Amino acid sequence: MDWGDWNPKIEFKFVPYTKYFQSYIARIFYRIWSIWSKPDAYLINFLYHGELVLPKTSRLYYVLHSPASLIPNRYEFIKCNYKKFNFLSFISVSAFVKLESKPYLNSSQNSVIHHGLDFSNINRKTNYEQNGKIKILTVAALESWKGIQNIISAFNDIEIKQNFEYHIIGDGPYREQLYQDIKKYNAVESVFLCGRKNNVESLYCNYDIYCQLSVGEAFGLAIIESMYAGLPAIVYNIPPFDLIFPSDKVFKIEKNNNEQLKFKFLDLLSSIERKKFGLNGQKFVSESLTIEKMANDYYDLFNS
């Protein structure tokens, strides 16, 4: 997306990455930037490395990208140190992240601003008619909390194997366990570990259903991208999805209810049902979760 020319007062800084001594290097760069640029305010994304050296009297905006249940030690660090700054505000990427942060920080200093997506590179689905097996997709790091194993377990059912394929894009430490699950359910001809792909935005439209049963997700960017592509999405009826998505925009099933998941897949054999929810979800995210809306929310916060 072409944003035109940035205001010359806005500067982007990136702490050099190194496997070791990251925090030490960050402190050096924070000190140099603070002295050299003398910024009016700091907006910090993906932090946790050396921020304590920033001036205590500056305006700081600290973005919380993960719920506390995923990184409790990080939130303990925040709890012990955030009061050292005079003008520190937090920004949570979902209401779920804000809710989980309450035991650690003052919620009155915490605003919720959803991620906004640039949809310009995502190809939209145009054909909902069935052509062979229905293709289910998940795009995620291969970790146990992403719930991929629960989707694979649905392929223990003969009717699911006969009518569906499941493609998993991503890599991670749980890959071998997922492969063993695929073999356990005799699903090697129906479930495919596709590895990493760099062109996911152009691939969503080649699938029929998006399913992500993660527990502890902060927001769910891949779900929203797939919805914009026009795929009906299936998620657990838990935070943050129960708060972000209206029930007529996605399919919500109860956590760990494998029978309900199978029934939902079978319901979606209907091209009419897939198209209805696909287009409903597409309209919702294209109106509510845009990068323009996110930018306006940040602008309003900075000027409040």
Foldseek 3Di string as FASTA:
>chain_A
DDPDDDDPLDDDDDQDDDPPPSLVSVLVVLVVCCVVNVHQEEEDDPDDRPPLNHDQAHAYEYEDQFACVVPVVSLQVCLVPVVSHDHYAYEAQFVRNLVRSVVRDDSVRYHYFHAADDLPLAAAADDLDDDAAAEEEEEDAQDVQFPPLLVLVLLLDPVCLRHYAYEYEHYYDCVVVSVVSCVVSVNPVRYYDPYHDDRVRHCLNVHAAYETAGDRHRHCPVQLSSLLNLFAYEYACDPPCVPPDDCLQHPHDHHSPSVVVNVVVVVSVDSVVGNRNSVSNSVVSVPPRHNVSSVVVVVVVVVD
